[in-house]
Amino acid sequence: MFGIGGGELIFIMFIVLMLFGSDKVPEIARTMGKAMAQIKNATNDIKSEIQKGAEANGFDTNSLSDIRGSITSEINKAKDNLLGDTSAFSDMAGNITSEINKAKENLLGDATTEIEKAKDSLLGDVAEIEKVKEEIDDSTGPIKRQM
């Protein structure tokens, strides 16, 4: 009811009780109930007057529903004309998405090959460093033992 939870409703009722007192709350509720009934009766009277006026001018419920249906169909036609054929936009969106995916794959593929090349180069450099280290160890090996 109006987005108000149970706890909030109890809190509001507590505040009303504190403001108006226990003797005035039933009187306020009766007054609000009478006002709601009067509003409901007034709207029903207005509806019946409109219905009587429409019938007096030759409009019955069937003709009114026909008019309502034709107005609705005209509104739908105008909406379709304004929006037009949206399939071109969906095709365009699909093409754009596929182009973005292709570009992403190309970028990722290029980056991956560059990373692989750099990795191979570094591994080759590490292997050369290991060979040089072994050569140095082999050439300095007897010297270290003598020390």
N, C-alpha and C. Protein backbone atom coordinates (compact mmCIF):
# COMPACT_ATOMS: atom_id res chain seq x y z
N MET A 1 0.85 -1.18 0.00
CA MET A 1 0.00 0.00 0.00
C MET A 1 0.89 1.23 0.00
N PHE A 2 1.01 1.91 -1.09
CA PHE A 2 1.77 3.14 -1.26
C PHE A 2 3.25 2.97 -0.92
N GLY A 3 3.76 1.77 -0.95
CA GLY A 3 5.17 1.53 -0.64
C GLY A 3 5.50 1.65 0.83
N ILE A 4 4.51 1.54 1.67
CA ILE A 4 4.73 1.66 3.12
C ILE A 4 4.67 0.27 3.73
N GLY A 5 5.68 -0.07 4.51
CA GLY A 5 5.72 -1.37 5.15
C GLY A 5 4.90 -1.39 6.43
N GLY A 6 4.80 -2.55 7.03
CA GLY A 6 4.02 -2.72 8.25
C GLY A 6 4.56 -1.91 9.42
N GLY A 7 5.88 -1.93 9.60
CA GLY A 7 6.49 -1.18 10.69
C GLY A 7 6.29 0.32 10.53
N GLU A 8 6.41 0.78 9.29
CA GLU A 8 6.21 2.21 9.03
C GLU A 8 4.77 2.61 9.29
N LEU A 9 3.83 1.75 8.90
CA LEU A 9 2.41 2.03 9.12
C LEU A 9 2.10 2.11 10.62
N ILE A 10 2.66 1.21 11.39
CA ILE A 10 2.45 1.22 12.85
C ILE A 10 3.05 2.50 13.44
N PHE A 11 4.23 2.90 12.97
CA PHE A 11 4.85 4.12 13.46
C PHE A 11 3.99 5.34 13.14
N ILE A 12 3.44 5.40 11.94
CA ILE A 12 2.57 6.52 11.55
C ILE A 12 1.33 6.55 12.43
N MET A 13 0.74 5.37 12.67
CA MET A 13 -0.46 5.32 13.52
C MET A 13 -0.13 5.76 14.95
N PHE A 14 1.06 5.41 15.41
CA PHE A 14 1.49 5.83 16.75
C PHE A 14 1.61 7.35 16.82
N ILE A 15 2.20 7.96 15.80
CA ILE A 15 2.35 9.42 15.75
C ILE A 15 0.98 10.09 15.71
N VAL A 16 0.04 9.55 14.88
CA VAL A 16 -1.31 10.10 14.80
C VAL A 16 -1.98 10.01 16.17
N LEU A 17 -1.84 8.88 16.82
CA LEU A 17 -2.42 8.70 18.14
C LEU A 17 -1.84 9.71 19.14
N MET A 18 -0.55 9.95 19.06
CA MET A 18 0.09 10.90 19.97
C MET A 18 -0.37 12.33 19.69
N LEU A 19 -0.56 12.67 18.39
CA LEU A 19 -0.94 14.03 18.04
C LEU A 19 -2.41 14.34 18.36
N PHE A 20 -3.30 13.43 18.01
CA PHE A 20 -4.73 13.71 18.12
C PHE A 20 -5.40 13.11 19.35
N GLY A 21 -4.79 12.16 19.95
CA GLY A 21 -5.38 11.54 21.13
C GLY A 21 -6.30 10.40 20.75
N SER A 22 -6.58 9.55 21.74
CA SER A 22 -7.38 8.35 21.47
C SER A 22 -8.84 8.67 21.22
N ASP A 23 -9.35 9.78 21.69
CA ASP A 23 -10.76 10.09 21.49
C ASP A 23 -11.03 10.69 20.11
N LYS A 24 -10.03 11.30 19.47
CA LYS A 24 -10.23 11.94 18.16
C LYS A 24 -9.95 11.00 16.99
N VAL A 25 -9.17 9.95 17.17
CA VAL A 25 -8.79 9.06 16.07
C VAL A 25 -10.01 8.39 15.43
N PRO A 26 -10.98 7.81 16.19
CA PRO A 26 -12.14 7.22 15.53
C PRO A 26 -12.97 8.25 14.77
N GLU A 27 -13.06 9.45 15.31
CA GLU A 27 -13.81 10.52 14.65
C GLU A 27 -13.15 10.90 13.31
N ILE A 28 -11.81 10.97 13.30
CA ILE A 28 -11.07 11.29 12.07
C ILE A 28 -11.25 10.17 11.05
N ALA A 29 -11.21 8.91 11.50
CA ALA A 29 -11.38 7.77 10.60
C ALA A 29 -12.77 7.78 9.98
N ARG A 30 -13.81 8.08 10.76
CA ARG A 30 -15.17 8.16 10.24
C ARG A 30 -15.28 9.27 9.18
N THR A 31 -14.69 10.42 9.47
CA THR A 31 -14.73 11.54 8.54
C THR A 31 -14.02 11.18 7.23
N MET A 32 -12.88 10.52 7.33
CA MET A 32 -12.15 10.12 6.12
C MET A 32 -12.94 9.08 5.33
N GLY A 33 -13.60 8.15 6.01
CA GLY A 33 -14.43 7.16 5.33
C GLY A 33 -15.59 7.80 4.60
N LYS A 34 -16.25 8.77 5.25
CA LYS A 34 -17.35 9.48 4.59
C LYS A 34 -16.86 10.25 3.37
N ALA A 35 -15.68 10.89 3.49
CA ALA A 35 -15.12 11.64 2.36
C ALA A 35 -14.81 10.71 1.19
N MET A 36 -14.25 9.54 1.48
CA MET A 36 -13.94 8.58 0.41
C MET A 36 -15.23 8.10 -0.27
N ALA A 37 -16.28 7.86 0.52
CA ALA A 37 -17.56 7.43 -0.06
C ALA A 37 -18.15 8.52 -0.93
N GLN A 38 -18.05 9.77 -0.49
CA GLN A 38 -18.57 10.88 -1.29
C GLN A 38 -17.81 11.02 -2.60
N ILE A 39 -16.49 10.86 -2.55
CA ILE A 39 -15.68 10.93 -3.78
C ILE A 39 -16.06 9.82 -4.74
N LYS A 40 -16.26 8.61 -4.21
CA LYS A 40 -16.65 7.48 -5.05
C LYS A 40 -18.01 7.72 -5.68
N ASN A 41 -18.98 8.22 -4.89
CA ASN A 41 -20.30 8.52 -5.44
C ASN A 41 -20.23 9.61 -6.50
N ALA A 42 -19.40 10.63 -6.28
CA ALA A 42 -19.27 11.72 -7.25
C ALA A 42 -18.69 11.21 -8.56
N THR A 43 -17.68 10.35 -8.50
CA THR A 43 -17.11 9.81 -9.74
C THR A 43 -18.11 8.93 -10.46
N ASN A 44 -18.89 8.14 -9.72
CA ASN A 44 -19.92 7.32 -10.37
C ASN A 44 -20.98 8.19 -11.02
N ASP A 45 -21.35 9.31 -10.36
CA ASP A 45 -22.33 10.22 -10.95
C ASP A 45 -21.79 10.85 -12.23
N ILE A 46 -20.53 11.23 -12.22
CA ILE A 46 -19.93 11.83 -13.41
C ILE A 46 -19.90 10.81 -14.55
N LYS A 47 -19.52 9.58 -14.24
CA LYS A 47 -19.51 8.53 -15.27
C LYS A 47 -20.89 8.32 -15.86
N SER A 48 -21.89 8.26 -15.00
CA SER A 48 -23.26 8.03 -15.51
C SER A 48 -23.74 9.22 -16.34
N GLU A 49 -23.38 10.44 -15.97
CA GLU A 49 -23.77 11.61 -16.76
C GLU A 49 -23.11 11.59 -18.13
N ILE A 50 -21.85 11.22 -18.17
CA ILE A 50 -21.15 11.12 -19.46
C ILE A 50 -21.80 10.03 -20.31
N GLN A 51 -22.12 8.91 -19.69
CA GLN A 51 -22.77 7.81 -20.42
C GLN A 51 -24.12 8.25 -20.97
N LYS A 52 -24.93 8.95 -20.14
CA LYS A 52 -26.23 9.43 -20.59
C LYS A 52 -26.09 10.44 -21.72
N GLY A 53 -25.10 11.34 -21.61
CA GLY A 53 -24.89 12.32 -22.66
C GLY A 53 -24.46 11.67 -23.96
N ALA A 54 -23.64 10.64 -23.88
CA ALA A 54 -23.19 9.94 -25.08
C ALA A 54 -24.35 9.21 -25.73
N GLU A 55 -25.19 8.58 -24.92
CA GLU A 55 -26.35 7.86 -25.46
C GLU A 55 -27.37 8.83 -26.07
N ALA A 56 -27.53 10.01 -25.45
CA ALA A 56 -28.47 11.02 -25.97
C ALA A 56 -28.01 11.55 -27.32
N ASN A 57 -26.69 11.58 -27.55
CA ASN A 57 -26.16 12.07 -28.82
C ASN A 57 -25.96 10.95 -29.83
N GLY A 58 -26.45 9.78 -29.55
CA GLY A 58 -26.39 8.68 -30.51
C GLY A 58 -25.19 7.78 -30.37
N PHE A 59 -24.44 7.93 -29.32
CA PHE A 59 -23.29 7.06 -29.11
C PHE A 59 -23.67 6.01 -28.07
N ASP A 60 -23.64 4.76 -28.48
CA ASP A 60 -23.85 3.70 -27.51
C ASP A 60 -22.49 3.06 -27.20
N THR A 61 -22.49 2.08 -26.34
CA THR A 61 -21.21 1.49 -25.92
C THR A 61 -20.49 0.80 -27.08
N ASN A 62 -21.26 0.21 -28.02
CA ASN A 62 -20.62 -0.45 -29.16
C ASN A 62 -19.92 0.56 -30.06
N SER A 63 -20.60 1.68 -30.34
CA SER A 63 -19.97 2.67 -31.21
C SER A 63 -18.77 3.31 -30.52
N LEU A 64 -18.86 3.51 -29.21
CA LEU A 64 -17.72 4.07 -28.48
C LEU A 64 -16.53 3.11 -28.50
N SER A 65 -16.79 1.81 -28.37
CA SER A 65 -15.68 0.84 -28.41
C SER A 65 -15.11 0.77 -29.83
N ASP A 66 -15.97 0.93 -30.86
CA ASP A 66 -15.47 0.96 -32.24
C ASP A 66 -14.57 2.17 -32.46
N ILE A 67 -15.01 3.32 -31.95
CA ILE A 67 -14.21 4.54 -32.08
C ILE A 67 -12.88 4.37 -31.35
N ARG A 68 -12.94 3.81 -30.16
CA ARG A 68 -11.73 3.58 -29.38
C ARG A 68 -10.78 2.65 -30.12
N GLY A 69 -11.32 1.60 -30.73
CA GLY A 69 -10.49 0.65 -31.48
C GLY A 69 -9.85 1.30 -32.70
N SER A 70 -10.63 2.13 -33.42
CA SER A 70 -10.05 2.78 -34.59
C SER A 70 -8.98 3.79 -34.20
N ILE A 71 -9.20 4.49 -33.10
CA ILE A 71 -8.18 5.44 -32.63
C ILE A 71 -6.90 4.69 -32.24
N THR A 72 -7.06 3.56 -31.57
CA THR A 72 -5.91 2.77 -31.17
C THR A 72 -5.14 2.26 -32.39
N SER A 73 -5.88 1.79 -33.40
CA SER A 73 -5.21 1.30 -34.61
C SER A 73 -4.49 2.43 -35.34
N GLU A 74 -5.07 3.61 -35.38
CA GLU A 74 -4.41 4.75 -36.01
C GLU A 74 -3.15 5.14 -35.25
N ILE A 75 -3.21 5.09 -33.95
CA ILE A 75 -2.02 5.40 -33.13
C ILE A 75 -0.92 4.39 -33.41
N ASN A 76 -1.29 3.11 -33.50
CA ASN A 76 -0.30 2.06 -33.78
C ASN A 76 0.32 2.25 -35.16
N LYS A 77 -0.52 2.63 -36.16
CA LYS A 77 0.01 2.87 -37.51
C LYS A 77 0.99 4.03 -37.50
N ALA A 78 0.63 5.11 -36.81
CA ALA A 78 1.52 6.27 -36.73
C ALA A 78 2.82 5.90 -36.05
N LYS A 79 2.73 5.09 -35.00
CA LYS A 79 3.94 4.66 -34.29
C LYS A 79 4.82 3.82 -35.21
N ASP A 80 4.21 2.92 -35.98
CA ASP A 80 4.99 2.10 -36.91
C ASP A 80 5.63 2.95 -37.99
N ASN A 81 4.92 3.97 -38.48
CA ASN A 81 5.48 4.85 -39.49
C ASN A 81 6.64 5.66 -38.94
N LEU A 82 6.52 6.10 -37.70
CA LEU A 82 7.60 6.88 -37.10
C LEU A 82 8.82 6.02 -36.83
N LEU A 83 8.59 4.82 -36.32
CA LEU A 83 9.71 3.94 -36.01
C LEU A 83 10.29 3.32 -37.27
N GLY A 84 9.43 3.05 -38.24
CA GLY A 84 9.90 2.45 -39.49
C GLY A 84 10.39 1.04 -39.28
N ASP A 85 11.17 0.59 -40.26
CA ASP A 85 11.71 -0.76 -40.22
C ASP A 85 12.99 -0.74 -39.39
N THR A 86 12.96 -1.37 -38.25
CA THR A 86 14.11 -1.36 -37.35
C THR A 86 15.07 -2.51 -37.61
N SER A 87 14.78 -3.37 -38.59
CA SER A 87 15.67 -4.50 -38.86
C SER A 87 17.02 -4.02 -39.38
N ALA A 88 17.04 -2.88 -40.11
CA ALA A 88 18.31 -2.35 -40.59
C ALA A 88 19.21 -1.97 -39.43
N PHE A 89 18.61 -1.43 -38.37
CA PHE A 89 19.41 -1.06 -37.20
C PHE A 89 19.95 -2.29 -36.49
N SER A 90 19.14 -3.33 -36.40
CA SER A 90 19.63 -4.54 -35.74
C SER A 90 20.71 -5.21 -36.57
N ASP A 91 20.58 -5.17 -37.93
CA ASP A 91 21.64 -5.70 -38.79
C ASP A 91 22.92 -4.90 -38.61
N MET A 92 22.77 -3.58 -38.53
CA MET A 92 23.92 -2.71 -38.36
C MET A 92 24.61 -2.99 -37.02
N ALA A 93 23.81 -3.19 -35.99
CA ALA A 93 24.37 -3.50 -34.67
C ALA A 93 25.12 -4.83 -34.72
N GLY A 94 24.57 -5.81 -35.41
CA GLY A 94 25.25 -7.10 -35.55
C GLY A 94 26.56 -6.97 -36.30
N ASN A 95 26.57 -6.16 -37.38
CA ASN A 95 27.81 -5.95 -38.14
C ASN A 95 28.87 -5.25 -37.30
N ILE A 96 28.45 -4.25 -36.55
CA ILE A 96 29.40 -3.52 -35.71
C ILE A 96 29.99 -4.45 -34.66
N THR A 97 29.14 -5.29 -34.07
CA THR A 97 29.61 -6.23 -33.05
C THR A 97 30.61 -7.22 -33.64
N SER A 98 30.32 -7.74 -34.84
CA SER A 98 31.24 -8.70 -35.45
C SER A 98 32.56 -8.03 -35.81
N GLU A 99 32.52 -6.77 -36.29
CA GLU A 99 33.76 -6.06 -36.61
C GLU A 99 34.59 -5.81 -35.35
N ILE A 100 33.92 -5.47 -34.26
CA ILE A 100 34.63 -5.25 -33.00
C ILE A 100 35.29 -6.55 -32.54
N ASN A 101 34.57 -7.67 -32.67
CA ASN A 101 35.13 -8.96 -32.27
C ASN A 101 36.33 -9.33 -33.14
N LYS A 102 36.24 -9.06 -34.47
CA LYS A 102 37.37 -9.35 -35.36
C LYS A 102 38.59 -8.52 -34.97
N ALA A 103 38.36 -7.22 -34.72
CA ALA A 103 39.47 -6.35 -34.33
C ALA A 103 40.09 -6.81 -33.02
N LYS A 104 39.25 -7.23 -32.09
CA LYS A 104 39.75 -7.72 -30.80
C LYS A 104 40.60 -8.96 -30.99
N GLU A 105 40.13 -9.88 -31.83
CA GLU A 105 40.88 -11.10 -32.08
C GLU A 105 42.21 -10.80 -32.77
N ASN A 106 42.19 -9.85 -33.73
CA ASN A 106 43.44 -9.48 -34.40
C ASN A 106 44.43 -8.88 -33.41
N LEU A 107 43.94 -7.98 -32.56
CA LEU A 107 44.84 -7.36 -31.58
C LEU A 107 45.39 -8.38 -30.61
N LEU A 108 44.51 -9.28 -30.14
CA LEU A 108 44.98 -10.31 -29.21
C LEU A 108 45.94 -11.26 -29.89
N GLY A 109 45.66 -11.61 -31.15
CA GLY A 109 46.55 -12.50 -31.89
C GLY A 109 47.91 -11.88 -32.10
N ASP A 110 47.95 -10.58 -32.50
CA ASP A 110 49.21 -9.89 -32.69
C ASP A 110 49.98 -9.78 -31.39
N ALA A 111 49.30 -9.46 -30.33
CA ALA A 111 49.95 -9.34 -29.04
C ALA A 111 50.52 -10.68 -28.60
N THR A 112 49.77 -11.75 -28.84
CA THR A 112 50.21 -13.09 -28.45
C THR A 112 51.47 -13.49 -29.22
N THR A 113 51.48 -13.23 -30.54
CA THR A 113 52.67 -13.58 -31.32
C THR A 113 53.86 -12.74 -30.89
N GLU A 114 53.65 -11.47 -30.59
CA GLU A 114 54.75 -10.63 -30.12
C GLU A 114 55.27 -11.12 -28.78
N ILE A 115 54.37 -11.53 -27.90
CA ILE A 115 54.79 -12.06 -26.60
C ILE A 115 55.58 -13.35 -26.79
N GLU A 116 55.12 -14.21 -27.70
CA GLU A 116 55.83 -15.47 -27.96
C GLU A 116 57.22 -15.20 -28.51
N LYS A 117 57.33 -14.22 -29.42
CA LYS A 117 58.64 -13.88 -29.99
C LYS A 117 59.57 -13.36 -28.89
N ALA A 118 59.05 -12.47 -28.04
CA ALA A 118 59.86 -11.92 -26.95
C ALA A 118 60.29 -13.03 -26.00
N LYS A 119 59.39 -13.96 -25.74
CA LYS A 119 59.70 -15.08 -24.84
C LYS A 119 60.79 -15.96 -25.43
N ASP A 120 60.65 -16.28 -26.73
CA ASP A 120 61.67 -17.10 -27.39
C ASP A 120 63.02 -16.40 -27.39
N SER A 121 62.99 -15.08 -27.64
CA SER A 121 64.23 -14.31 -27.65
C SER A 121 64.89 -14.32 -26.27
N LEU A 122 64.07 -14.12 -25.22
CA LEU A 122 64.60 -14.14 -23.87
C LEU A 122 65.14 -15.51 -23.48
N LEU A 123 64.42 -16.56 -23.90
CA LEU A 123 64.91 -17.91 -23.61
C LEU A 123 66.22 -18.18 -24.33
N GLY A 124 66.32 -17.67 -25.57
CA GLY A 124 67.58 -17.82 -26.30
C GLY A 124 68.70 -17.07 -25.60
N ASP A 125 68.40 -15.86 -25.11
CA ASP A 125 69.40 -15.08 -24.38
C ASP A 125 69.80 -15.79 -23.10
N VAL A 126 68.86 -16.36 -22.39
CA VAL A 126 69.16 -17.09 -21.16
C VAL A 126 70.04 -18.30 -21.47
N ALA A 127 69.75 -18.98 -22.58
CA ALA A 127 70.56 -20.14 -22.95
C ALA A 127 71.99 -19.70 -23.26
N GLU A 128 72.14 -18.58 -23.97
CA GLU A 128 73.48 -18.08 -24.28
C GLU A 128 74.21 -17.69 -22.99
N ILE A 129 73.51 -17.07 -22.07
CA ILE A 129 74.12 -16.68 -20.80
C ILE A 129 74.57 -17.92 -20.03
N GLU A 130 73.73 -18.96 -20.07
CA GLU A 130 74.10 -20.21 -19.40
C GLU A 130 75.36 -20.82 -20.03
N LYS A 131 75.46 -20.76 -21.38
CA LYS A 131 76.65 -21.30 -22.05
C LYS A 131 77.90 -20.52 -21.66
N VAL A 132 77.75 -19.18 -21.66
CA VAL A 132 78.90 -18.34 -21.29
C VAL A 132 79.30 -18.63 -19.84
N LYS A 133 78.34 -18.78 -18.98
CA LYS A 133 78.62 -19.07 -17.57
C LYS A 133 79.35 -20.40 -17.44
N GLU A 134 78.90 -21.40 -18.22
CA GLU A 134 79.56 -22.71 -18.15
C GLU A 134 80.99 -22.62 -18.67
N GLU A 135 81.17 -21.83 -19.74
CA GLU A 135 82.53 -21.67 -20.27
C GLU A 135 83.42 -21.00 -19.25
N ILE A 136 82.88 -19.98 -18.57
CA ILE A 136 83.67 -19.29 -17.55
C ILE A 136 83.97 -20.24 -16.40
N ASP A 137 82.97 -21.02 -15.99
CA ASP A 137 83.20 -21.98 -14.90
C ASP A 137 84.23 -23.02 -15.31
N ASP A 138 84.17 -23.47 -16.59
CA ASP A 138 85.14 -24.47 -17.05
C ASP A 138 86.55 -23.88 -17.09
N SER A 139 86.65 -22.62 -17.51
CA SER A 139 87.98 -22.04 -17.64
C SER A 139 88.53 -21.61 -16.27
N THR A 140 87.66 -21.27 -15.33
CA THR A 140 88.15 -20.84 -14.02
C THR A 140 88.08 -21.94 -12.99
N GLY A 141 87.57 -23.08 -13.38
CA GLY A 141 87.43 -24.17 -12.45
C GLY A 141 88.75 -24.56 -11.79
N PRO A 142 89.83 -24.80 -12.55
CA PRO A 142 91.08 -25.19 -11.90
C PRO A 142 91.66 -24.10 -11.03
N ILE A 143 91.39 -22.84 -11.41
CA ILE A 143 91.93 -21.73 -10.64
C ILE A 143 91.25 -21.69 -9.27
N LYS A 144 89.96 -21.91 -9.25
CA LYS A 144 89.21 -21.87 -7.98
C LYS A 144 89.72 -22.96 -7.07
N ARG A 145 90.05 -24.10 -7.62
CA ARG A 145 90.47 -25.22 -6.79
C ARG A 145 91.82 -24.95 -6.15
N GLN A 146 92.61 -24.19 -6.81
CA GLN A 146 93.94 -23.92 -6.30
C GLN A 146 93.91 -22.90 -5.18
N MET A 147 92.93 -22.14 -5.12
CA MET A 147 92.85 -21.09 -4.10
C MET A 147 92.50 -21.62 -2.80
